Amino acid sequence: MKAFTGKHTCENCGETFDARLLHDIEDLEKRISPGEIVPSGQCPDCGTVCHIAKDKEAIDAMHVAIRDMDFAEQEDNFTI
């Protein structure tokens, strides 16, 4: 069953695939830990799990925003 559409990236080889090319995940219960994001499929090239591809620019912007928030919080807590 394929519930996801769009692009998916392999955790191992880094290749990106269309959802229709992903394989069903073999032994899923052995390959994920509690609390881990469930993979979207298995890489057709190397067999490692794939996840929905993320927009790199959006992720980079989010990391910058989080860093800036952490820095601002540190300044607020700084006392002489």
Foldseek 3Di string as FASTA:
>chain_A
DQPDFDWKAFPPPGDIDTSVPFAAQPPQVVQDDPPDDRFRGADPPPGGTIHHDDDVVVVVVVVVVVVVVVVVVVVVPDDD
